[in-house]
Amino acid sequence: MFHESVDPPAPAEDAWGAHDLIGALHARDRIQRAIRAAGANSEAVATVAVADELFRMFTVVDEDGLLSEAGMPTPSEPWYWRRIPRNGPVPRELNEWKMARLTGDGPT
């Protein structure tokens, strides 16, 4: 597992947007289903654990519920659906979507 004591660098402005995050979370769901179907192979579980730890390093708990408040259907489980990048384009874009919904300027 990774145990960094420094904050990871901020993503570049041309980094993934909110739709990309949502797609990646759906892909993570598929990985979880595949691991369950394969009988939780320890090598696969270990590999996913490393990726999960990296994801935790670059994200924070979505305390404001930006994913769900922005109108994205998010499952209540698993844990990774309740995390967003700590900075960069994704949280800004999610906040813009949320504000657009609240003001009636966005999809409902």
PDB file of N, CA and C in Angstrom:
ATOM      1  N   MET A   1       0.831  -1.173   0.000  1.00  0.00           N
ATOM      2  CA  MET A   1       0.000   0.000   0.000  1.00  0.00           C
ATOM      3  C   MET A   1       0.883   1.247   0.000  1.00  0.00           C
ATOM      4  N   PHE A   2       0.333   2.330  -0.533  1.00  0.00           N
ATOM      5  CA  PHE A   2       1.046   3.589  -0.577  1.00  0.00           C
ATOM      6  C   PHE A   2       0.744   4.390   0.677  1.00  0.00           C
ATOM      7  N   HIS A   3       1.752   5.022   1.202  1.00  0.00           N
ATOM      8  CA  HIS A   3       1.571   5.870   2.372  1.00  0.00           C
ATOM      9  C   HIS A   3       2.378   7.140   2.152  1.00  0.00           C
ATOM     10  N   GLU A   4       1.823   8.040   1.394  1.00  0.00           N
ATOM     11  CA  GLU A   4       2.471   9.305   1.104  1.00  0.00           C
ATOM     12  C   GLU A   4       2.099  10.318   2.174  1.00  0.00           C
ATOM     13  N   SER A   5       3.052  11.113   2.597  1.00  0.00           N
ATOM     14  CA  SER A   5       2.770  12.143   3.583  1.00  0.00           C
ATOM     15  C   SER A   5       2.580  13.507   2.933  1.00  0.00           C
ATOM     16  N   VAL A   6       2.800  13.593   1.635  1.00  0.00           N
ATOM     17  CA  VAL A   6       2.624  14.862   0.932  1.00  0.00           C
ATOM     18  C   VAL A   6       1.401  14.764   0.047  1.00  0.00           C
ATOM     19  N   ASP A   7       0.771  15.923  -0.172  1.00  0.00           N
ATOM     20  CA  ASP A   7      -0.381  15.944  -1.062  1.00  0.00           C
ATOM     21  C   ASP A   7       0.063  15.682  -2.484  1.00  0.00           C
ATOM     22  N   PRO A   8      -0.729  14.909  -3.243  1.00  0.00           N
ATOM     23  CA  PRO A   8      -0.387  14.691  -4.642  1.00  0.00           C
ATOM     24  C   PRO A   8      -0.537  15.992  -5.421  1.00  0.00           C
ATOM     25  N   PRO A   9       0.134  16.113  -6.542  1.00  0.00           N
ATOM     26  CA  PRO A   9       0.034  17.355  -7.315  1.00  0.00           C
ATOM     27  C   PRO A   9      -1.375  17.532  -7.872  1.00  0.00           C
ATOM     28  N   ALA A  10      -1.733  18.775  -8.091  1.00  0.00           N
ATOM     29  CA  ALA A  10      -3.034  19.076  -8.688  1.00  0.00           C
ATOM     30  C   ALA A  10      -3.047  18.578 -10.127  1.00  0.00           C
ATOM     31  N   PRO A  11      -4.196  18.099 -10.604  1.00  0.00           N
ATOM     32  CA  PRO A  11      -4.258  17.641 -11.980  1.00  0.00           C
ATOM     33  C   PRO A  11      -4.149  18.809 -12.956  1.00  0.00           C
ATOM     34  N   ALA A  12      -3.681  18.513 -14.135  1.00  0.00           N
ATOM     35  CA  ALA A  12      -3.597  19.534 -15.179  1.00  0.00           C
ATOM     36  C   ALA A  12      -5.002  19.958 -15.569  1.00  0.00           C
ATOM     37  N   GLU A  13      -5.128  21.171 -16.066  1.00  0.00           N
ATOM     38  CA  GLU A  13      -6.445  21.683 -16.429  1.00  0.00           C
ATOM     39  C   GLU A  13      -7.100  20.886 -17.556  1.00  0.00           C
ATOM     40  N   ASP A  14      -6.321  20.159 -18.331  1.00  0.00           N
ATOM     41  CA  ASP A  14      -6.901  19.346 -19.395  1.00  0.00           C
ATOM     42  C   ASP A  14      -7.175  17.922 -18.913  1.00  0.00           C
ATOM     43  N   ALA A  15      -7.169  17.744 -17.595  1.00  0.00           N
ATOM     44  CA  ALA A  15      -7.436  16.435 -17.008  1.00  0.00           C
ATOM     45  C   ALA A  15      -8.899  16.057 -17.234  1.00  0.00           C
ATOM     46  N   TRP A  16      -9.229  14.866 -16.823  1.00  0.00           N
ATOM     47  CA  TRP A  16     -10.590  14.356 -16.983  1.00  0.00           C
ATOM     48  C   TRP A  16     -11.609  15.265 -16.330  1.00  0.00           C
ATOM     49  N   GLY A  17     -12.814  15.231 -16.893  1.00  0.00           N
ATOM     50  CA  GLY A  17     -13.927  15.976 -16.332  1.00  0.00           C
ATOM     51  C   GLY A  17     -14.842  15.060 -15.543  1.00  0.00           C
ATOM     52  N   ALA A  18     -15.954  15.607 -15.117  1.00  0.00           N
ATOM     53  CA  ALA A  18     -16.903  14.878 -14.270  1.00  0.00           C
ATOM     54  C   ALA A  18     -17.469  13.643 -14.969  1.00  0.00           C
ATOM     55  N   HIS A  19     -17.784  13.752 -16.252  1.00  0.00           N
ATOM     56  CA  HIS A  19     -18.297  12.577 -16.967  1.00  0.00           C
ATOM     57  C   HIS A  19     -17.269  11.450 -16.984  1.00  0.00           C
ATOM     58  N   ASP A  20     -16.002  11.807 -17.122  1.00  0.00           N
ATOM     59  CA  ASP A  20     -14.937  10.798 -17.109  1.00  0.00           C
ATOM     60  C   ASP A  20     -14.858  10.098 -15.759  1.00  0.00           C
ATOM     61  N   LEU A  21     -14.996  10.877 -14.673  1.00  0.00           N
ATOM     62  CA  LEU A  21     -14.994  10.277 -13.339  1.00  0.00           C
ATOM     63  C   LEU A  21     -16.132   9.275 -13.209  1.00  0.00           C
ATOM     64  N   ILE A  22     -17.303   9.662 -13.642  1.00  0.00           N
ATOM     65  CA  ILE A  22     -18.466   8.784 -13.536  1.00  0.00           C
ATOM     66  C   ILE A  22     -18.248   7.509 -14.351  1.00  0.00           C
ATOM     67  N   GLY A  23     -17.683   7.645 -15.539  1.00  0.00           N
ATOM     68  CA  GLY A  23     -17.363   6.469 -16.340  1.00  0.00           C
ATOM     69  C   GLY A  23     -16.360   5.567 -15.650  1.00  0.00           C
ATOM     70  N   ALA A  24     -15.355   6.163 -15.022  1.00  0.00           N
ATOM     71  CA  ALA A  24     -14.353   5.379 -14.302  1.00  0.00           C
ATOM     72  C   ALA A  24     -14.969   4.656 -13.102  1.00  0.00           C
ATOM     73  N   LEU A  25     -15.912   5.298 -12.428  1.00  0.00           N
ATOM     74  CA  LEU A  25     -16.573   4.655 -11.288  1.00  0.00           C
ATOM     75  C   LEU A  25     -17.427   3.470 -11.753  1.00  0.00           C
ATOM     76  N   HIS A  26     -18.063   3.621 -12.900  1.00  0.00           N
ATOM     77  CA  HIS A  26     -18.815   2.484 -13.456  1.00  0.00           C
ATOM     78  C   HIS A  26     -17.855   1.347 -13.829  1.00  0.00           C
ATOM     79  N   ALA A  27     -16.687   1.694 -14.369  1.00  0.00           N
ATOM     80  CA  ALA A  27     -15.692   0.670 -14.691  1.00  0.00           C
ATOM     81  C   ALA A  27     -15.221  -0.028 -13.420  1.00  0.00           C
ATOM     82  N   ARG A  28     -15.055   0.723 -12.340  1.00  0.00           N
ATOM     83  CA  ARG A  28     -14.647   0.119 -11.060  1.00  0.00           C
ATOM     84  C   ARG A  28     -15.710  -0.848 -10.569  1.00  0.00           C
ATOM     85  N   ASP A  29     -16.989  -0.517 -10.783  1.00  0.00           N
ATOM     86  CA  ASP A  29     -18.069  -1.447 -10.443  1.00  0.00           C
ATOM     87  C   ASP A  29     -17.913  -2.761 -11.202  1.00  0.00           C
ATOM     88  N   ARG A  30     -17.589  -2.671 -12.489  1.00  0.00           N
ATOM     89  CA  ARG A  30     -17.403  -3.882 -13.305  1.00  0.00           C
ATOM     90  C   ARG A  30     -16.251  -4.719 -12.787  1.00  0.00           C
ATOM     91  N   ILE A  31     -15.175  -4.053 -12.398  1.00  0.00           N
ATOM     92  CA  ILE A  31     -14.025  -4.778 -11.846  1.00  0.00           C
ATOM     93  C   ILE A  31     -14.442  -5.525 -10.590  1.00  0.00           C
ATOM     94  N   GLN A  32     -15.204  -4.870  -9.727  1.00  0.00           N
ATOM     95  CA  GLN A  32     -15.649  -5.512  -8.492  1.00  0.00           C
ATOM     96  C   GLN A  32     -16.506  -6.746  -8.795  1.00  0.00           C
ATOM     97  N   ARG A  33     -17.404  -6.621  -9.767  1.00  0.00           N
ATOM     98  CA  ARG A  33     -18.238  -7.771 -10.147  1.00  0.00           C
ATOM     99  C   ARG A  33     -17.385  -8.906 -10.703  1.00  0.00           C
ATOM    100  N   ALA A  34     -16.376  -8.580 -11.493  1.00  0.00           N
ATOM    101  CA  ALA A  34     -15.496  -9.604 -12.064  1.00  0.00           C
ATOM    102  C   ALA A  34     -14.706 -10.315 -10.969  1.00  0.00           C
ATOM    103  N   ILE A  35     -14.243  -9.572  -9.989  1.00  0.00           N
ATOM    104  CA  ILE A  35     -13.504 -10.196  -8.882  1.00  0.00           C
ATOM    105  C   ILE A  35     -14.414 -11.150  -8.116  1.00  0.00           C
ATOM    106  N   ARG A  36     -15.638 -10.713  -7.856  1.00  0.00           N
ATOM    107  CA  ARG A  36     -16.577 -11.599  -7.146  1.00  0.00           C
ATOM    108  C   ARG A  36     -16.851 -12.863  -7.950  1.00  0.00           C
ATOM    109  N   ALA A  37     -17.037 -12.702  -9.258  1.00  0.00           N
ATOM    110  CA  ALA A  37     -17.345 -13.843 -10.116  1.00  0.00           C
ATOM    111  C   ALA A  37     -16.164 -14.807 -10.213  1.00  0.00           C
ATOM    112  N   ALA A  38     -14.954 -14.270 -10.119  1.00  0.00           N
ATOM    113  CA  ALA A  38     -13.752 -15.099 -10.229  1.00  0.00           C
ATOM    114  C   ALA A  38     -13.369 -15.745  -8.907  1.00  0.00           C
ATOM    115  N   GLY A  39     -14.083 -15.467  -7.867  1.00  0.00           N
ATOM    116  CA  GLY A  39     -13.773 -16.078  -6.582  1.00  0.00           C
ATOM    117  C   GLY A  39     -12.721 -15.349  -5.777  1.00  0.00           C
ATOM    118  N   ALA A  40     -12.587 -14.057  -5.974  1.00  0.00           N
ATOM    119  CA  ALA A  40     -11.693 -13.220  -5.178  1.00  0.00           C
ATOM    120  C   ALA A  40     -10.249 -13.713  -5.199  1.00  0.00           C
ATOM    121  N   ASN A  41      -9.710 -13.937  -6.381  1.00  0.00           N
ATOM    122  CA  ASN A  41      -8.304 -14.293  -6.560  1.00  0.00           C
ATOM    123  C   ASN A  41      -7.440 -13.286  -5.805  1.00  0.00           C
ATOM    124  N   SER A  42      -6.537 -13.778  -4.970  1.00  0.00           N
ATOM    125  CA  SER A  42      -5.760 -12.877  -4.119  1.00  0.00           C
ATOM    126  C   SER A  42      -4.891 -11.914  -4.921  1.00  0.00           C
ATOM    127  N   GLU A  43      -4.386 -12.339  -6.077  1.00  0.00           N
ATOM    128  CA  GLU A  43      -3.582 -11.451  -6.906  1.00  0.00           C
ATOM    129  C   GLU A  43      -4.436 -10.316  -7.463  1.00  0.00           C
ATOM    130  N   ALA A  44      -5.621 -10.633  -7.931  1.00  0.00           N
ATOM    131  CA  ALA A  44      -6.530  -9.606  -8.448  1.00  0.00           C
ATOM    132  C   ALA A  44      -6.940  -8.641  -7.343  1.00  0.00           C
ATOM    133  N   VAL A  45      -7.254  -9.185  -6.188  1.00  0.00           N
ATOM    134  CA  VAL A  45      -7.654  -8.348  -5.050  1.00  0.00           C
ATOM    135  C   VAL A  45      -6.511  -7.419  -4.655  1.00  0.00           C
ATOM    136  N   ALA A  46      -5.298  -7.917  -4.630  1.00  0.00           N
ATOM    137  CA  ALA A  46      -4.138  -7.098  -4.273  1.00  0.00           C
ATOM    138  C   ALA A  46      -3.912  -5.987  -5.292  1.00  0.00           C
ATOM    139  N   THR A  47      -4.069  -6.297  -6.568  1.00  0.00           N
ATOM    140  CA  THR A  47      -3.896  -5.293  -7.613  1.00  0.00           C
ATOM    141  C   THR A  47      -4.939  -4.192  -7.477  1.00  0.00           C
ATOM    142  N   VAL A  48      -6.173  -4.573  -7.253  1.00  0.00           N
ATOM    143  CA  VAL A  48      -7.237  -3.584  -7.091  1.00  0.00           C
ATOM    144  C   VAL A  48      -7.007  -2.769  -5.824  1.00  0.00           C
ATOM    145  N   ALA A  49      -6.494  -3.386  -4.779  1.00  0.00           N
ATOM    146  CA  ALA A  49      -6.222  -2.665  -3.531  1.00  0.00           C
ATOM    147  C   ALA A  49      -5.199  -1.552  -3.754  1.00  0.00           C
ATOM    148  N   VAL A  50      -4.194  -1.806  -4.584  1.00  0.00           N
ATOM    149  CA  VAL A  50      -3.199  -0.779  -4.891  1.00  0.00           C
ATOM    150  C   VAL A  50      -3.859   0.370  -5.650  1.00  0.00           C
ATOM    151  N   ALA A  51      -4.670   0.043  -6.644  1.00  0.00           N
ATOM    152  CA  ALA A  51      -5.376   1.081  -7.401  1.00  0.00           C
ATOM    153  C   ALA A  51      -6.322   1.865  -6.500  1.00  0.00           C
ATOM    154  N   ASP A  52      -7.010   1.183  -5.603  1.00  0.00           N
ATOM    155  CA  ASP A  52      -7.917   1.854  -4.671  1.00  0.00           C
ATOM    156  C   ASP A  52      -7.161   2.824  -3.767  1.00  0.00           C
ATOM    157  N   GLU A  53      -5.982   2.421  -3.328  1.00  0.00           N
ATOM    158  CA  GLU A  53      -5.193   3.300  -2.466  1.00  0.00           C
ATOM    159  C   GLU A  53      -4.751   4.549  -3.232  1.00  0.00           C
ATOM    160  N   LEU A  54      -4.369   4.387  -4.476  1.00  0.00           N
ATOM    161  CA  LEU A  54      -4.024   5.549  -5.308  1.00  0.00           C
ATOM    162  C   LEU A  54      -5.233   6.466  -5.467  1.00  0.00           C
ATOM    163  N   PHE A  55      -6.408   5.878  -5.698  1.00  0.00           N
ATOM    164  CA  PHE A  55      -7.630   6.658  -5.840  1.00  0.00           C
ATOM    165  C   PHE A  55      -7.896   7.457  -4.563  1.00  0.00           C
ATOM    166  N   ARG A  56      -7.717   6.827  -3.421  1.00  0.00           N
ATOM    167  CA  ARG A  56      -7.921   7.532  -2.141  1.00  0.00           C
ATOM    168  C   ARG A  56      -6.951   8.703  -1.983  1.00  0.00           C
ATOM    169  N   MET A  57      -5.724   8.534  -2.477  1.00  0.00           N
ATOM    170  CA  MET A  57      -4.724   9.605  -2.362  1.00  0.00           C
ATOM    171  C   MET A  57      -5.131  10.851  -3.127  1.00  0.00           C
ATOM    172  N   PHE A  58      -5.798  10.691  -4.248  1.00  0.00           N
ATOM    173  CA  PHE A  58      -6.150  11.820  -5.104  1.00  0.00           C
ATOM    174  C   PHE A  58      -7.571  12.321  -4.891  1.00  0.00           C
ATOM    175  N   THR A  59      -8.285  11.721  -3.964  1.00  0.00           N
ATOM    176  CA  THR A  59      -9.680  12.092  -3.761  1.00  0.00           C
ATOM    177  C   THR A  59      -9.964  12.408  -2.299  1.00  0.00           C
ATOM    178  N   VAL A  60     -11.127  12.985  -2.083  1.00  0.00           N
ATOM    179  CA  VAL A  60     -11.633  13.263  -0.742  1.00  0.00           C
ATOM    180  C   VAL A  60     -13.083  12.785  -0.696  1.00  0.00           C
ATOM    181  N   VAL A  61     -13.584  12.620   0.516  1.00  0.00           N
ATOM    182  CA  VAL A  61     -14.986  12.251   0.668  1.00  0.00           C
ATOM    183  C   VAL A  61     -15.838  13.392   0.119  1.00  0.00           C
ATOM    184  N   ASP A  62     -16.823  13.050  -0.671  1.00  0.00           N
ATOM    185  CA  ASP A  62     -17.733  14.023  -1.286  1.00  0.00           C
ATOM    186  C   ASP A  62     -18.751  14.477  -0.238  1.00  0.00           C
ATOM    187  N   GLU A  63     -18.273  15.248   0.750  1.00  0.00           N
ATOM    188  CA  GLU A  63     -19.114  15.656   1.874  1.00  0.00           C
ATOM    189  C   GLU A  63     -20.304  16.505   1.441  1.00  0.00           C
ATOM    190  N   ASP A  64     -20.152  17.259   0.359  1.00  0.00           N
ATOM    191  CA  ASP A  64     -21.244  18.102  -0.127  1.00  0.00           C
ATOM    192  C   ASP A  64     -22.189  17.352  -1.048  1.00  0.00           C
ATOM    193  N   GLY A  65     -21.904  16.075  -1.301  1.00  0.00           N
ATOM    194  CA  GLY A  65     -22.760  15.281  -2.173  1.00  0.00           C
ATOM    195  C   GLY A  65     -22.837  15.829  -3.587  1.00  0.00           C
ATOM    196  N   LEU A  66     -21.703  16.340  -4.085  1.00  0.00           N
ATOM    197  CA  LEU A  66     -21.709  16.959  -5.413  1.00  0.00           C
ATOM    198  C   LEU A  66     -22.138  16.002  -6.512  1.00  0.00           C
ATOM    199  N   LEU A  67     -21.710  14.738  -6.435  1.00  0.00           N
ATOM    200  CA  LEU A  67     -22.128  13.789  -7.472  1.00  0.00           C
ATOM    201  C   LEU A  67     -23.646  13.651  -7.516  1.00  0.00           C
ATOM    202  N   SER A  68     -24.253  13.435  -6.371  1.00  0.00           N
ATOM    203  CA  SER A  68     -25.705  13.255  -6.363  1.00  0.00           C
ATOM    204  C   SER A  68     -26.428  14.584  -6.542  1.00  0.00           C
ATOM    205  N   GLU A  69     -25.925  15.661  -5.953  1.00  0.00           N
ATOM    206  CA  GLU A  69     -26.576  16.967  -6.082  1.00  0.00           C
ATOM    207  C   GLU A  69     -26.497  17.507  -7.504  1.00  0.00           C
ATOM    208  N   ALA A  70     -25.501  17.075  -8.248  1.00  0.00           N
ATOM    209  CA  ALA A  70     -25.362  17.517  -9.632  1.00  0.00           C
ATOM    210  C   ALA A  70     -26.303  16.764 -10.554  1.00  0.00           C
ATOM    211  N   GLY A  71     -27.061  15.830  -9.995  1.00  0.00           N
ATOM    212  CA  GLY A  71     -28.026  15.096 -10.799  1.00  0.00           C
ATOM    213  C   GLY A  71     -27.544  13.761 -11.289  1.00  0.00           C
ATOM    214  N   MET A  72     -26.358  13.337 -10.848  1.00  0.00           N
ATOM    215  CA  MET A  72     -25.846  12.047 -11.256  1.00  0.00           C
ATOM    216  C   MET A  72     -26.432  10.958 -10.372  1.00  0.00           C
ATOM    217  N   PRO A  73     -27.022   9.949 -10.987  1.00  0.00           N
ATOM    218  CA  PRO A  73     -27.507   8.838 -10.168  1.00  0.00           C
ATOM    219  C   PRO A  73     -26.320   8.073  -9.613  1.00  0.00           C
ATOM    220  N   THR A  74     -26.180   8.067  -8.306  1.00  0.00           N
ATOM    221  CA  THR A  74     -25.047   7.388  -7.691  1.00  0.00           C
ATOM    222  C   THR A  74     -25.564   6.343  -6.720  1.00  0.00           C
ATOM    223  N   PRO A  75     -25.031   5.152  -6.803  1.00  0.00           N
ATOM    224  CA  PRO A  75     -25.444   4.127  -5.851  1.00  0.00           C
ATOM    225  C   PRO A  75     -24.990   4.480  -4.439  1.00  0.00           C
ATOM    226  N   SER A  76     -25.699   3.989  -3.464  1.00  0.00           N
ATOM    227  CA  SER A  76     -25.321   4.276  -2.080  1.00  0.00           C
ATOM    228  C   SER A  76     -24.050   3.531  -1.694  1.00  0.00           C
ATOM    229  N   GLU A  77     -23.770   2.484  -2.365  1.00  0.00           N
ATOM    230  CA  GLU A  77     -22.563   1.716  -2.148  1.00  0.00           C
ATOM    231  C   GLU A  77     -21.923   1.514  -3.504  1.00  0.00           C
ATOM    232  N   PRO A  78     -20.737   1.239  -3.599  1.00  0.00           N
ATOM    233  CA  PRO A  78     -19.657   1.128  -2.639  1.00  0.00           C
ATOM    234  C   PRO A  78     -18.988   2.466  -2.349  1.00  0.00           C
ATOM    235  N   TRP A  79     -17.977   2.415  -1.539  1.00  0.00           N
ATOM    236  CA  TRP A  79     -17.309   3.591  -0.995  1.00  0.00           C
ATOM    237  C   TRP A  79     -16.791   4.554  -2.057  1.00  0.00           C
ATOM    238  N   TYR A  80     -16.303   4.037  -3.179  1.00  0.00           N
ATOM    239  CA  TYR A  80     -15.650   4.906  -4.159  1.00  0.00           C
ATOM    240  C   TYR A  80     -16.622   5.840  -4.861  1.00  0.00           C
ATOM    241  N   TRP A  81     -17.928   5.546  -4.788  1.00  0.00           N
ATOM    242  CA  TRP A  81     -18.927   6.453  -5.352  1.00  0.00           C
ATOM    243  C   TRP A  81     -19.141   7.679  -4.463  1.00  0.00           C
ATOM    244  N   ARG A  82     -18.526   7.704  -3.313  1.00  0.00           N
ATOM    245  CA  ARG A  82     -18.671   8.836  -2.401  1.00  0.00           C
ATOM    246  C   ARG A  82     -17.370   9.624  -2.265  1.00  0.00           C
ATOM    247  N   ARG A  83     -16.532   9.545  -3.301  1.00  0.00           N
ATOM    248  CA  ARG A  83     -15.269  10.289  -3.299  1.00  0.00           C
ATOM    249  C   ARG A  83     -15.128  11.047  -4.615  1.00  0.00           C
ATOM    250  N   ILE A  84     -14.522  12.234  -4.536  1.00  0.00           N
ATOM    251  CA  ILE A  84     -14.249  13.035  -5.730  1.00  0.00           C
ATOM    252  C   ILE A  84     -12.813  13.551  -5.634  1.00  0.00           C
ATOM    253  N   PRO A  85     -12.217  13.908  -6.769  1.00  0.00           N
ATOM    254  CA  PRO A  85     -10.871  14.475  -6.714  1.00  0.00           C
ATOM    255  C   PRO A  85     -10.838  15.697  -5.799  1.00  0.00           C
ATOM    256  N   ARG A  86      -9.725  15.865  -5.111  1.00  0.00           N
ATOM    257  CA  ARG A  86      -9.615  16.960  -4.143  1.00  0.00           C
ATOM    258  C   ARG A  86      -9.552  18.321  -4.813  1.00  0.00           C
ATOM    259  N   ASN A  87      -9.129  18.392  -6.057  1.00  0.00           N
ATOM    260  CA  ASN A  87      -9.072  19.662  -6.773  1.00  0.00           C
ATOM    261  C   ASN A  87      -9.097  19.381  -8.267  1.00  0.00           C
ATOM    262  N   GLY A  88      -9.062  20.438  -9.038  1.00  0.00           N
ATOM    263  CA  GLY A  88      -9.045  20.279 -10.479  1.00  0.00           C
ATOM    264  C   GLY A  88     -10.412  20.433 -11.116  1.00  0.00           C
ATOM    265  N   PRO A  89     -10.534  20.031 -12.361  1.00  0.00           N
ATOM    266  CA  PRO A  89     -11.755  20.279 -13.119  1.00  0.00           C
ATOM    267  C   PRO A  89     -12.984  19.507 -12.632  1.00  0.00           C
ATOM    268  N   VAL A  90     -12.820  18.318 -12.080  1.00  0.00           N
ATOM    269  CA  VAL A  90     -13.986  17.510 -11.706  1.00  0.00           C
ATOM    270  C   VAL A  90     -14.810  18.171 -10.612  1.00  0.00           C
ATOM    271  N   PRO A  91     -14.252  18.537  -9.466  1.00  0.00           N
ATOM    272  CA  PRO A  91     -15.098  19.161  -8.451  1.00  0.00           C
ATOM    273  C   PRO A  91     -15.692  20.489  -8.916  1.00  0.00           C
ATOM    274  N   ARG A  92     -14.932  21.251  -9.701  1.00  0.00           N
ATOM    275  CA  ARG A  92     -15.478  22.514 -10.224  1.00  0.00           C
ATOM    276  C   ARG A  92     -16.667  22.244 -11.137  1.00  0.00           C
ATOM    277  N   GLU A  93     -16.519  21.269 -12.022  1.00  0.00           N
ATOM    278  CA  GLU A  93     -17.601  20.954 -12.953  1.00  0.00           C
ATOM    279  C   GLU A  93     -18.828  20.422 -12.207  1.00  0.00           C
ATOM    280  N   LEU A  94     -18.616  19.553 -11.231  1.00  0.00           N
ATOM    281  CA  LEU A  94     -19.744  19.035 -10.449  1.00  0.00           C
ATOM    282  C   LEU A  94     -20.463  20.167  -9.710  1.00  0.00           C
ATOM    283  N   ASN A  95     -19.703  21.099  -9.174  1.00  0.00           N
ATOM    284  CA  ASN A  95     -20.310  22.235  -8.489  1.00  0.00           C
ATOM    285  C   ASN A  95     -21.107  23.101  -9.463  1.00  0.00           C
ATOM    286  N   GLU A  96     -20.595  23.287 -10.665  1.00  0.00           N
ATOM    287  CA  GLU A  96     -21.332  24.041 -11.687  1.00  0.00           C
ATOM    288  C   GLU A  96     -22.644  23.342 -12.032  1.00  0.00           C
ATOM    289  N   TRP A  97     -22.610  22.013 -12.172  1.00  0.00           N
ATOM    290  CA  TRP A  97     -23.832  21.256 -12.464  1.00  0.00           C
ATOM    291  C   TRP A  97     -24.837  21.421 -11.332  1.00  0.00           C
ATOM    292  N   LYS A  98     -24.329  21.337 -10.103  1.00  0.00           N
ATOM    293  CA  LYS A  98     -25.206  21.475  -8.935  1.00  0.00           C
ATOM    294  C   LYS A  98     -25.859  22.851  -8.933  1.00  0.00           C
ATOM    295  N   MET A  99     -25.068  23.895  -9.147  1.00  0.00           N
ATOM    296  CA  MET A  99     -25.606  25.254  -9.138  1.00  0.00           C
ATOM    297  C   MET A  99     -26.608  25.455 -10.276  1.00  0.00           C
ATOM    298  N   ALA A 100     -26.337  24.874 -11.418  1.00  0.00           N
ATOM    299  CA  ALA A 100     -27.268  24.985 -12.541  1.00  0.00           C
ATOM    300  C   ALA A 100     -28.599  24.312 -12.214  1.00  0.00           C
ATOM    301  N   ARG A 101     -28.553  23.187 -11.545  1.00  0.00           N
ATOM    302  CA  ARG A 101     -29.808  22.514 -11.140  1.00  0.00           C
ATOM    303  C   ARG A 101     -30.563  23.347 -10.121  1.00  0.00           C
ATOM    304  N   LEU A 102     -29.842  23.933  -9.159  1.00  0.00           N
ATOM    305  CA  LEU A 102     -30.486  24.714  -8.109  1.00  0.00           C
ATOM    306  C   LEU A 102     -31.117  25.999  -8.652  1.00  0.00           C
ATOM    307  N   THR A 103     -30.523  26.559  -9.685  1.00  0.00           N
ATOM    308  CA  THR A 103     -31.059  27.788 -10.259  1.00  0.00           C
ATOM    309  C   THR A 103     -32.035  27.535 -11.399  1.00  0.00           C
ATOM    310  N   GLY A 104     -32.209  26.270 -11.735  1.00  0.00           N
ATOM    311  CA  GLY A 104     -33.128  25.913 -12.825  1.00  0.00           C
ATOM    312  C   GLY A 104     -32.523  26.058 -14.199  1.00  0.00           C
ATOM    313  N   ASP A 105     -31.219  26.249 -14.269  1.00  0.00           N
ATOM    314  CA  ASP A 105     -30.544  26.398 -15.566  1.00  0.00           C
ATOM    315  C   ASP A 105     -29.989  25.089 -16.116  1.00  0.00           C
ATOM    316  N   GLY A 106     -30.154  24.008 -15.360  1.00  0.00           N
ATOM    317  CA  GLY A 106     -29.577  22.742 -15.782  1.00  0.00           C
ATOM    318  C   GLY A 106     -30.612  21.649 -15.836  1.00  0.00           C
ATOM    319  N   PRO A 107     -30.177  20.454 -16.194  1.00  0.00           N
ATOM    320  CA  PRO A 107     -31.116  19.316 -16.247  1.00  0.00           C
ATOM    321  C   PRO A 107     -31.652  18.989 -14.865  1.00  0.00           C
ATOM    322  N   THR A 108     -32.852  18.494 -14.825  1.00  0.00           N
ATOM    323  CA  THR A 108     -33.461  18.118 -13.534  1.00  0.00           C
ATOM    324  C   THR A 108     -33.677  16.641 -13.454  1.00  0.00           C
TER     325      THR A 108
END
